[in-house]
Amino acid sequence: MNDTSDEIAEMMRERLMALSGAERMELASSMFDAAREMVLASFPEGLSETEIKIRLCERLYGDEVNQRGFAEYLRAREKAGSSQ
């Protein structure tokens, strides 16, 4: 869905392209951080750090990441860390 008029979209594109590469990177990074905080705020309390990472990956990256493999990797790291 796109509810932005072509005129406004072009104006926004021009404004973004007027920024330096560093400014655009800083803007993108702050937008990602805000999205991450919103996702984290939606999680129930009491999750382990591993479970938070698994859920965050699922929500932010979806099918772009092998979710099962990522979860297995994190759980194996967690298990290895607790046995040391």
Protein backbone atom coordinates (compact mmCIF):
# COMPACT_ATOMS: atom_id res chain seq x y z
CA MET A 1 0.00 0.00 0.00
CA ASN A 2 1.28 3.45 -0.85
CA ASP A 3 -0.73 6.47 0.22
CA THR A 4 1.96 9.05 -0.61
CA SER A 5 1.39 11.23 -3.65
CA ASP A 6 4.04 11.19 -6.37
CA GLU A 7 4.76 14.86 -5.72
CA ILE A 8 5.48 14.32 -2.01
CA ALA A 9 7.47 11.15 -2.70
CA GLU A 10 9.68 13.05 -5.14
CA MET A 11 10.12 15.90 -2.66
CA MET A 12 11.20 13.43 0.04
CA ARG A 13 13.57 11.69 -2.37
CA GLU A 14 15.18 15.02 -3.27
CA ARG A 15 15.60 15.93 0.40
CA LEU A 16 17.16 12.57 1.22
CA MET A 17 19.52 12.73 -1.75
CA ALA A 18 20.62 16.22 -0.66
CA LEU A 19 22.04 14.70 2.52
CA SER A 20 25.59 13.43 2.59
CA GLY A 21 26.20 9.70 2.60
CA ALA A 22 27.13 9.89 6.28
CA GLU A 23 23.91 11.76 7.09
CA ARG A 24 21.82 9.20 5.21
CA MET A 25 23.59 6.38 7.04
CA GLU A 26 22.99 8.06 10.40
CA LEU A 27 19.30 8.55 9.55
CA ALA A 28 18.91 4.92 8.47
CA SER A 29 20.67 3.72 11.61
CA SER A 30 18.45 5.78 13.90
CA MET A 31 15.34 4.53 12.07
CA PHE A 32 16.51 0.92 12.51
CA ASP A 33 17.20 1.53 16.21
CA ALA A 34 13.68 2.96 16.65
CA ALA A 35 12.12 -0.03 14.88
CA ARG A 36 14.18 -2.41 17.01
CA GLU A 37 13.04 -0.69 20.22
CA MET A 38 9.39 -0.93 19.13
CA VAL A 39 9.76 -4.65 18.44
CA LEU A 40 11.53 -5.23 21.77
CA ALA A 41 8.76 -3.36 23.59
CA SER A 42 6.19 -5.77 22.16
CA PHE A 43 7.86 -8.86 23.68
CA PRO A 44 6.62 -10.36 26.94
CA GLU A 45 8.74 -9.82 30.02
CA GLY A 46 11.01 -12.52 31.33
CA LEU A 47 12.43 -13.85 28.06
CA SER A 48 16.00 -15.09 28.09
CA GLU A 49 18.59 -13.17 26.09
CA THR A 50 18.67 -16.03 23.59
CA GLU A 51 14.89 -16.01 23.17
CA ILE A 52 14.93 -12.22 22.68
CA LYS A 53 17.55 -12.57 19.93
CA ILE A 54 15.57 -15.35 18.23
CA ARG A 55 12.32 -13.37 18.28
CA LEU A 56 14.02 -10.18 17.19
CA CYS A 57 15.60 -11.95 14.22
CA GLU A 58 12.23 -13.47 13.25
CA ARG A 59 10.46 -10.10 13.37
CA LEU A 60 13.12 -8.02 11.66
CA TYR A 61 14.43 -10.43 9.04
CA GLY A 62 11.68 -13.03 8.51
CA ASP A 63 12.47 -15.44 5.69
CA GLU A 64 15.73 -13.65 4.83
CA VAL A 65 17.44 -15.68 7.58
CA ASN A 66 17.36 -19.40 8.28
CA GLN A 67 15.44 -19.01 11.54
CA ARG A 68 15.82 -22.62 12.65
CA GLY A 69 19.58 -22.58 12.07
CA PHE A 70 19.96 -19.25 13.84
CA ALA A 71 17.99 -20.49 16.86
CA GLU A 72 19.99 -23.72 17.01
CA TYR A 73 23.24 -21.75 16.82
CA LEU A 74 22.22 -19.41 19.66
CA ARG A 75 21.01 -22.26 21.85
CA ALA A 76 24.25 -24.19 21.26
CA ARG A 77 26.28 -21.10 22.21
CA GLU A 78 24.15 -20.63 25.30
CA LYS A 79 24.62 -24.28 26.29
CA ALA A 80 28.38 -24.17 25.65
CA GLY A 81 28.67 -20.99 27.72
CA SER A 82 26.81 -22.47 30.66
CA SER A 83 29.03 -25.58 30.73
CA GLN A 84 32.25 -23.59 31.05
